[in-house]
């Protein structure tokens, strides 16, 4: 086996550096895509939370209204029974 010359070592190191740089560039692109998708998911989650809060705020009077109608019905029934 022959000893590599310094120029061979330098060429091999330069090739290895190019391969590593290309790999890092690919990883950076994939990370940027993951971050973009994560931001989209965060925006979608915030939108769903806002819509859910709106639905919950619009729903709260229903049980109260039903209770009031039931009490009014009971009062009218008792009033009619009392008048007989």
PDB file of N, CA and C in Angstrom:
ATOM      1  N   UNK A   1       0.833  -1.167   0.000  1.00  0.00           N
ATOM      2  CA  UNK A   1       0.000   0.000   0.000  1.00  0.00           C
ATOM      3  C   UNK A   1       0.884   1.239   0.000  1.00  0.00           C
ATOM      4  N   UNK A   2       0.536   2.163  -0.829  1.00  0.00           N
ATOM      5  CA  UNK A   2       1.364   3.365  -0.949  1.00  0.00           C
ATOM      6  C   UNK A   2       0.796   4.464  -0.073  1.00  0.00           C
ATOM      7  N   UNK A   3       1.668   5.291   0.395  1.00  0.00           N
ATOM      8  CA  UNK A   3       1.236   6.430   1.207  1.00  0.00           C
ATOM      9  C   UNK A   3       0.564   7.465   0.304  1.00  0.00           C
ATOM     10  N   UNK A   4      -0.581   8.000   0.760  1.00  0.00           N
ATOM     11  CA  UNK A   4      -1.225   9.019  -0.066  1.00  0.00           C
ATOM     12  C   UNK A   4      -0.409  10.301  -0.040  1.00  0.00           C
ATOM     13  N   UNK A   5      -0.439  10.958  -1.149  1.00  0.00           N
ATOM     14  CA  UNK A   5       0.268  12.231  -1.240  1.00  0.00           C
ATOM     15  C   UNK A   5      -0.597  13.324  -0.610  1.00  0.00           C
ATOM     16  N   UNK A   6       0.028  14.398  -0.185  1.00  0.00           N
ATOM     17  CA  UNK A   6      -0.760  15.489   0.418  1.00  0.00           C
ATOM     18  C   UNK A   6      -1.829  16.039  -0.523  1.00  0.00           C
ATOM     19  N   UNK A   7      -1.575  16.022  -1.800  1.00  0.00           N
ATOM     20  CA  UNK A   7      -2.597  16.522  -2.728  1.00  0.00           C
ATOM     21  C   UNK A   7      -3.797  15.567  -2.791  1.00  0.00           C
ATOM     22  N   UNK A   8      -3.526  14.246  -2.685  1.00  0.00           N
ATOM     23  CA  UNK A   8      -4.631  13.274  -2.659  1.00  0.00           C
ATOM     24  C   UNK A   8      -5.489  13.460  -1.405  1.00  0.00           C
ATOM     25  N   UNK A   9      -4.825  13.674  -0.291  1.00  0.00           N
ATOM     26  CA  UNK A   9      -5.540  13.894   0.968  1.00  0.00           C
ATOM     27  C   UNK A   9      -6.361  15.171   0.876  1.00  0.00           C
ATOM     28  N   UNK A  10      -5.781  16.208   0.328  1.00  0.00           N
ATOM     29  CA  UNK A  10      -6.493  17.485   0.206  1.00  0.00           C
ATOM     30  C   UNK A  10      -7.710  17.341  -0.711  1.00  0.00           C
ATOM     31  N   UNK A  11      -7.559  16.617  -1.806  1.00  0.00           N
ATOM     32  CA  UNK A  11      -8.681  16.403  -2.723  1.00  0.00           C
ATOM     33  C   UNK A  11      -9.792  15.595  -2.048  1.00  0.00           C
ATOM     34  N   UNK A  12      -9.406  14.577  -1.301  1.00  0.00           N
ATOM     35  CA  UNK A  12     -10.395  13.748  -0.625  1.00  0.00           C
ATOM     36  C   UNK A  12     -11.116  14.543   0.466  1.00  0.00           C
ATOM     37  N   UNK A  13     -10.368  15.351   1.191  1.00  0.00           N
ATOM     38  CA  UNK A  13     -10.986  16.204   2.208  1.00  0.00           C
ATOM     39  C   UNK A  13     -11.940  17.226   1.581  1.00  0.00           C
ATOM     40  N   UNK A  14     -11.557  17.762   0.442  1.00  0.00           N
ATOM     41  CA  UNK A  14     -12.420  18.731  -0.244  1.00  0.00           C
ATOM     42  C   UNK A  14     -13.701  18.050  -0.721  1.00  0.00           C
ATOM     43  N   UNK A  15     -13.581  16.836  -1.231  1.00  0.00           N
ATOM     44  CA  UNK A  15     -14.766  16.088  -1.667  1.00  0.00           C
ATOM     45  C   UNK A  15     -15.670  15.779  -0.469  1.00  0.00           C
ATOM     46  N   UNK A  16     -15.068  15.372   0.635  1.00  0.00           N
ATOM     47  CA  UNK A  16     -15.821  15.073   1.848  1.00  0.00           C
ATOM     48  C   UNK A  16     -16.523  16.330   2.363  1.00  0.00           C
ATOM     49  N   UNK A  17     -15.830  17.454   2.297  1.00  0.00           N
ATOM     50  CA  UNK A  17     -16.436  18.725   2.717  1.00  0.00           C
ATOM     51  C   UNK A  17     -17.642  19.058   1.857  1.00  0.00           C
ATOM     52  N   UNK A  18     -17.557  18.834   0.573  1.00  0.00           N
ATOM     53  CA  UNK A  18     -18.687  19.089  -0.323  1.00  0.00           C
ATOM     54  C   UNK A  18     -19.879  18.194  -0.002  1.00  0.00           C
ATOM     55  N   UNK A  19     -19.590  16.930   0.289  1.00  0.00           N
ATOM     56  CA  UNK A  19     -20.665  15.999   0.636  1.00  0.00           C
ATOM     57  C   UNK A  19     -21.342  16.426   1.935  1.00  0.00           C
ATOM     58  N   UNK A  20     -20.551  16.823   2.922  1.00  0.00           N
ATOM     59  CA  UNK A  20     -21.100  17.254   4.210  1.00  0.00           C
ATOM     60  C   UNK A  20     -21.927  18.526   4.032  1.00  0.00           C
ATOM     61  N   UNK A  21     -21.430  19.476   3.248  1.00  0.00           N
ATOM     62  CA  UNK A  21     -22.174  20.719   3.005  1.00  0.00           C
ATOM     63  C   UNK A  21     -23.501  20.442   2.298  1.00  0.00           C
ATOM     64  N   UNK A  22     -23.492  19.537   1.347  1.00  0.00           N
ATOM     65  CA  UNK A  22     -24.731  19.189   0.647  1.00  0.00           C
ATOM     66  C   UNK A  22     -25.721  18.535   1.608  1.00  0.00           C
ATOM     67  N   UNK A  23     -25.216  17.670   2.487  1.00  0.00           N
ATOM     68  CA  UNK A  23     -26.089  17.035   3.477  1.00  0.00           C
ATOM     69  C   UNK A  23     -26.687  18.057   4.434  1.00  0.00           C
ATOM     70  N   UNK A  24     -25.864  18.996   4.896  1.00  0.00           N
ATOM     71  CA  UNK A  24     -26.373  20.043   5.784  1.00  0.00           C
ATOM     72  C   UNK A  24     -27.395  20.920   5.081  1.00  0.00           C
ATOM     73  N   UNK A  25     -27.164  21.230   3.832  1.00  0.00           N
ATOM     74  CA  UNK A  25     -28.121  22.044   3.081  1.00  0.00           C
ATOM     75  C   UNK A  25     -29.455  21.315   2.952  1.00  0.00           C
ATOM     76  N   UNK A  26     -29.409  20.027   2.708  1.00  0.00           N
ATOM     77  CA  UNK A  26     -30.639  19.236   2.613  1.00  0.00           C
ATOM     78  C   UNK A  26     -31.366  19.201   3.955  1.00  0.00           C
ATOM     79  N   UNK A  27     -30.614  19.018   5.036  1.00  0.00           N
ATOM     80  CA  UNK A  27     -31.217  19.020   6.373  1.00  0.00           C
ATOM     81  C   UNK A  27     -31.819  20.374   6.718  1.00  0.00           C
ATOM     82  N   UNK A  28     -31.130  21.445   6.339  1.00  0.00           N
ATOM     83  CA  UNK A  28     -31.668  22.780   6.591  1.00  0.00           C
ATOM     84  C   UNK A  28     -32.994  22.978   5.857  1.00  0.00           C
ATOM     85  N   UNK A  29     -33.068  22.503   4.636  1.00  0.00           N
ATOM     86  CA  UNK A  29     -34.317  22.605   3.873  1.00  0.00           C
ATOM     87  C   UNK A  29     -35.439  21.811   4.518  1.00  0.00           C
ATOM     88  N   UNK A  30     -35.121  20.624   5.005  1.00  0.00           N
ATOM     89  CA  UNK A  30     -36.141  19.798   5.658  1.00  0.00           C
ATOM     90  C   UNK A  30     -36.587  20.424   6.977  1.00  0.00           C
ATOM     91  N   UNK A  31     -35.653  20.978   7.726  1.00  0.00           N
ATOM     92  CA  UNK A  31     -36.010  21.648   8.978  1.00  0.00           C
ATOM     93  C   UNK A  31     -36.874  22.876   8.724  1.00  0.00           C
ATOM     94  N   UNK A  32     -36.556  23.614   7.677  1.00  0.00           N
ATOM     95  CA  UNK A  32     -37.381  24.784   7.345  1.00  0.00           C
ATOM     96  C   UNK A  32     -38.801  24.357   6.992  1.00  0.00           C
ATOM     97  N   UNK A  33     -38.936  23.268   6.265  1.00  0.00           N
ATOM     98  CA  UNK A  33     -40.264  22.760   5.916  1.00  0.00           C
ATOM     99  C   UNK A  33     -41.018  22.303   7.164  1.00  0.00           C
ATOM    100  N   UNK A  34     -40.330  21.632   8.069  1.00  0.00           N
ATOM    101  CA  UNK A  34     -40.963  21.196   9.314  1.00  0.00           C
ATOM    102  C   UNK A  34     -41.400  22.397  10.136  1.00  0.00           C
ATOM    103  N   UNK A  35     -40.570  23.421  10.207  1.00  0.00           N
ATOM    104  CA  UNK A  35     -40.937  24.624  10.953  1.00  0.00           C
ATOM    105  C   UNK A  35     -42.150  25.314  10.316  1.00  0.00           C
ATOM    106  N   UNK A  36     -42.207  25.357   8.996  1.00  0.00           N
ATOM    107  CA  UNK A  36     -43.344  25.968   8.313  1.00  0.00           C
ATOM    108  C   UNK A  36     -44.623  25.187   8.610  1.00  0.00           C
ATOM    109  N   UNK A  37     -44.546  23.879   8.559  1.00  0.00           N
ATOM    110  CA  UNK A  37     -45.717  23.060   8.870  1.00  0.00           C
ATOM    111  C   UNK A  37     -46.128  23.215  10.328  1.00  0.00           C
ATOM    112  N   UNK A  38     -45.157  23.324  11.214  1.00  0.00           N
ATOM    113  CA  UNK A  38     -45.457  23.545  12.628  1.00  0.00           C
ATOM    114  C   UNK A  38     -46.178  24.873  12.839  1.00  0.00           C
ATOM    115  N   UNK A  39     -45.737  25.914  12.134  1.00  0.00           N
ATOM    116  CA  UNK A  39     -46.410  27.211  12.224  1.00  0.00           C
ATOM    117  C   UNK A  39     -47.833  27.121  11.699  1.00  0.00           C
ATOM    118  N   UNK A  40     -48.036  26.385  10.612  1.00  0.00           N
ATOM    119  CA  UNK A  40     -49.385  26.213  10.074  1.00  0.00           C
ATOM    120  C   UNK A  40     -50.278  25.487  11.074  1.00  0.00           C
ATOM    121  N   UNK A  41     -49.733  24.475  11.732  1.00  0.00           N
ATOM    122  CA  UNK A  41     -50.505  23.724  12.726  1.00  0.00           C
ATOM    123  C   UNK A  41     -50.848  24.638  13.907  1.00  0.00           C
ATOM    124  N   UNK A  42     -49.891  25.472  14.327  1.00  0.00           N
ATOM    125  CA  UNK A  42     -50.156  26.400  15.424  1.00  0.00           C
ATOM    126  C   UNK A  42     -51.264  27.385  15.063  1.00  0.00           C
ATOM    127  N   UNK A  43     -51.227  27.919  13.834  1.00  0.00           N
ATOM    128  CA  UNK A  43     -52.283  28.854  13.397  1.00  0.00           C
ATOM    129  C   UNK A  43     -53.629  28.145  13.336  1.00  0.00           C
ATOM    130  N   UNK A  44     -53.639  26.927  12.839  1.00  0.00           N
ATOM    131  CA  UNK A  44     -54.890  26.162  12.746  1.00  0.00           C
ATOM    132  C   UNK A  44     -55.440  25.847  14.136  1.00  0.00           C
ATOM    133  N   UNK A  45     -54.572  25.507  15.061  1.00  0.00           N
ATOM    134  CA  UNK A  45     -54.991  25.220  16.425  1.00  0.00           C
ATOM    135  C   UNK A  45     -55.554  26.470  17.090  1.00  0.00           C
ATOM    136  N   UNK A  46     -54.916  27.609  16.889  1.00  0.00           N
ATOM    137  CA  UNK A  46     -55.418  28.864  17.454  1.00  0.00           C
ATOM    138  C   UNK A  46     -56.783  29.203  16.863  1.00  0.00           C
ATOM    139  N   UNK A  47     -56.951  28.965  15.553  1.00  0.00           N
ATOM    140  CA  UNK A  47     -58.236  29.218  14.905  1.00  0.00           C
ATOM    141  C   UNK A  47     -59.314  28.305  15.481  1.00  0.00           C
ATOM    142  N   UNK A  48     -58.999  27.045  15.666  1.00  0.00           N
ATOM    143  CA  UNK A  48     -59.977  26.104  16.226  1.00  0.00           C
ATOM    144  C   UNK A  48     -60.325  26.465  17.668  1.00  0.00           C
ATOM    145  N   UNK A  49     -59.329  26.905  18.436  1.00  0.00           N
ATOM    146  CA  UNK A  49     -59.592  27.320  19.818  1.00  0.00           C
ATOM    147  C   UNK A  49     -60.542  28.521  19.836  1.00  0.00           C
ATOM    148  N   UNK A  50     -60.306  29.481  18.947  1.00  0.00           N
ATOM    149  CA  UNK A  50     -61.167  30.661  18.897  1.00  0.00           C
ATOM    150  C   UNK A  50     -62.590  30.274  18.500  1.00  0.00           C
ATOM    151  N   UNK A  51     -62.714  29.391  17.527  1.00  0.00           N
ATOM    152  CA  UNK A  51     -64.046  28.962  17.100  1.00  0.00           C
ATOM    153  C   UNK A  51     -64.753  28.182  18.200  1.00  0.00           C
ATOM    154  N   UNK A  52     -64.028  27.346  18.926  1.00  0.00           N
ATOM    155  CA  UNK A  52     -64.611  26.587  20.021  1.00  0.00           C
ATOM    156  C   UNK A  52     -65.060  27.509  21.149  1.00  0.00           C
ATOM    157  N   UNK A  53     -64.237  28.511  21.464  1.00  0.00           N
ATOM    158  CA  UNK A  53     -64.630  29.487  22.488  1.00  0.00           C
ATOM    159  C   UNK A  53     -65.896  30.217  22.086  1.00  0.00           C
ATOM    160  N   UNK A  54     -65.999  30.577  20.813  1.00  0.00           N
ATOM    161  CA  UNK A  54     -67.190  31.262  20.321  1.00  0.00           C
ATOM    162  C   UNK A  54     -68.419  30.372  20.451  1.00  0.00           C
ATOM    163  N   UNK A  55     -68.275  29.092  20.118  1.00  0.00           N
ATOM    164  CA  UNK A  55     -69.398  28.167  20.244  1.00  0.00           C
ATOM    165  C   UNK A  55     -69.807  27.980  21.703  1.00  0.00           C
ATOM    166  N   UNK A  56     -68.827  27.900  22.585  1.00  0.00           N
ATOM    167  CA  UNK A  56     -69.142  27.728  23.996  1.00  0.00           C
ATOM    168  C   UNK A  56     -69.834  28.957  24.571  1.00  0.00           C
ATOM    169  N   UNK A  57     -69.426  30.149  24.141  1.00  0.00           N
ATOM    170  CA  UNK A  57     -70.067  31.374  24.629  1.00  0.00           C
ATOM    171  C   UNK A  57     -71.495  31.477  24.124  1.00  0.00           C
ATOM    172  N   UNK A  58     -71.738  31.029  22.912  1.00  0.00           N
ATOM    173  CA  UNK A  58     -73.084  31.102  22.352  1.00  0.00           C
ATOM    174  C   UNK A  58     -74.014  30.036  22.911  1.00  0.00           C
ATOM    175  N   UNK A  59     -73.479  29.031  23.553  1.00  0.00           N
ATOM    176  CA  UNK A  59     -74.294  27.928  24.027  1.00  0.00           C
ATOM    177  C   UNK A  59     -74.732  28.093  25.472  1.00  0.00           C
ATOM    178  N   UNK A  60     -74.070  28.912  26.255  1.00  0.00           N
ATOM    179  CA  UNK A  60     -74.340  28.965  27.689  1.00  0.00           C
ATOM    180  C   UNK A  60     -75.760  29.364  28.037  1.00  0.00           C
ATOM    181  N   UNK A  61     -76.471  30.224  27.289  1.00  0.00           N
ATOM    182  CA  UNK A  61     -77.813  30.604  27.730  1.00  0.00           C
ATOM    183  C   UNK A  61     -78.844  29.483  27.578  1.00  0.00           C
ATOM    184  N   UNK A  62     -78.602  28.489  26.774  1.00  0.00           N
ATOM    185  CA  UNK A  62     -79.606  27.456  26.537  1.00  0.00           C
ATOM    186  C   UNK A  62     -80.064  26.754  27.815  1.00  0.00           C
ATOM    187  N   UNK A  63     -79.200  26.253  28.661  1.00  0.00           N
ATOM    188  CA  UNK A  63     -79.681  25.612  29.891  1.00  0.00           C
ATOM    189  C   UNK A  63     -80.423  26.598  30.800  1.00  0.00           C
ATOM    190  N   UNK A  64     -79.945  27.840  30.843  1.00  0.00           N
ATOM    191  CA  UNK A  64     -80.611  28.836  31.683  1.00  0.00           C
ATOM    192  C   UNK A  64     -82.011  29.142  31.158  1.00  0.00           C
ATOM    193  N   UNK A  65     -82.141  29.284  29.859  1.00  0.00           N
ATOM    194  CA  UNK A  65     -83.455  29.560  29.254  1.00  0.00           C
ATOM    195  C   UNK A  65     -84.394  28.379  29.500  1.00  0.00           C
ATOM    196  N   UNK A  66     -83.887  27.173  29.352  1.00  0.00           N
ATOM    197  CA  UNK A  66     -84.718  25.993  29.601  1.00  0.00           C
ATOM    198  C   UNK A  66     -85.180  25.940  31.054  1.00  0.00           C
ATOM    199  N   UNK A  67     -84.329  26.277  31.979  1.00  0.00           N
ATOM    200  CA  UNK A  67     -84.715  26.289  33.394  1.00  0.00           C
ATOM    201  C   UNK A  67     -85.785  27.344  33.645  1.00  0.00           C
ATOM    202  N   UNK A  68     -85.618  28.520  33.041  1.00  0.00           N
ATOM    203  CA  UNK A  68     -86.623  29.582  33.208  1.00  0.00           C
ATOM    204  C   UNK A  68     -87.966  29.169  32.624  1.00  0.00           C
ATOM    205  N   UNK A  69     -87.963  28.527  31.457  1.00  0.00           N
ATOM    206  CA  UNK A  69     -89.208  28.068  30.845  1.00  0.00           C
ATOM    207  C   UNK A  69     -89.867  27.011  31.721  1.00  0.00           C
ATOM    208  N   UNK A  70     -89.070  26.120  32.295  1.00  0.00           N
ATOM    209  CA  UNK A  70     -89.629  25.089  33.167  1.00  0.00           C
ATOM    210  C   UNK A  70     -90.245  25.702  34.422  1.00  0.00           C
ATOM    211  N   UNK A  71     -89.576  26.674  35.005  1.00  0.00           N
ATOM    212  CA  UNK A  71     -90.107  27.336  36.200  1.00  0.00           C
ATOM    213  C   UNK A  71     -91.375  28.104  35.849  1.00  0.00           C
ATOM    214  N   UNK A  72     -91.375  28.781  34.694  1.00  0.00           N
ATOM    215  CA  UNK A  72     -92.573  29.519  34.269  1.00  0.00           C
ATOM    216  C   UNK A  72     -93.727  28.552  34.021  1.00  0.00           C
ATOM    217  N   UNK A  73     -93.458  27.416  33.418  1.00  0.00           N
ATOM    218  CA  UNK A  73     -94.500  26.413  33.187  1.00  0.00           C
ATOM    219  C   UNK A  73     -95.055  25.877  34.492  1.00  0.00           C
ATOM    220  N   UNK A  74     -94.178  25.624  35.443  1.00  0.00           N
ATOM    221  CA  UNK A  74     -94.615  25.157  36.756  1.00  0.00           C
ATOM    222  C   UNK A  74     -95.453  26.220  37.456  1.00  0.00           C
ATOM    223  N   UNK A  75     -95.010  27.469  37.363  1.00  0.00           N
ATOM    224  CA  UNK A  75     -95.766  28.558  37.992  1.00  0.00           C
ATOM    225  C   UNK A  75     -97.143  28.694  37.353  1.00  0.00           C
ATOM    226  N   UNK A  76     -97.227  28.614  36.016  1.00  0.00           N
ATOM    227  CA  UNK A  76     -98.530  28.710  35.352  1.00  0.00           C
ATOM    228  C   UNK A  76     -99.431  27.542  35.724  1.00  0.00           C
ATOM    229  N   UNK A  77     -98.841  26.362  35.829  1.00  0.00           N
ATOM    230  CA  UNK A  77     -99.643  25.189  36.215  1.00  0.00           C
ATOM    231  C   UNK A  77    -100.173  25.348  37.635  1.00  0.00           C
ATOM    232  N   UNK A  78     -99.318  25.781  38.555  1.00  0.00           N
ATOM    233  CA  UNK A  78     -99.765  25.997  39.922  1.00  0.00           C
ATOM    234  C   UNK A  78    -100.818  27.105  40.008  1.00  0.00           C
ATOM    235  N   UNK A  79    -100.659  28.150  39.218  1.00  0.00           N
ATOM    236  CA  UNK A  79    -101.624  29.258  39.200  1.00  0.00           C
ATOM    237  C   UNK A  79    -102.991  28.779  38.682  1.00  0.00           C
ATOM    238  N   UNK A  80    -102.963  27.949  37.609  1.00  0.00           N
ATOM    239  CA  UNK A  80    -104.221  27.421  37.086  1.00  0.00           C
ATOM    240  C   UNK A  80    -104.880  26.481  38.067  1.00  0.00           C
ATOM    241  N   UNK A  81    -104.071  25.666  38.773  1.00  0.00           N
ATOM    242  CA  UNK A  81    -104.651  24.763  39.776  1.00  0.00           C
ATOM    243  C   UNK A  81    -105.224  25.540  40.957  1.00  0.00           C
ATOM    244  N   UNK A  82    -104.587  26.636  41.290  1.00  0.00           N
ATOM    245  CA  UNK A  82    -105.058  27.437  42.413  1.00  0.00           C
ATOM    246  C   UNK A  82    -106.366  28.164  42.065  1.00  0.00           C
ATOM    247  N   UNK A  83    -106.580  28.488  40.811  1.00  0.00           N
ATOM    248  CA  UNK A  83    -107.781  29.214  40.387  1.00  0.00           C
ATOM    249  C   UNK A  83    -108.981  28.292  40.223  1.00  0.00           C
ATOM    250  N   UNK A  84    -108.841  27.033  40.253  1.00  0.00           N
ATOM    251  CA  UNK A  84    -109.974  26.102  40.059  1.00  0.00           C
ATOM    252  C   UNK A  84    -110.771  25.934  41.281  1.00  0.00           C
TER     253      UNK A  84
END
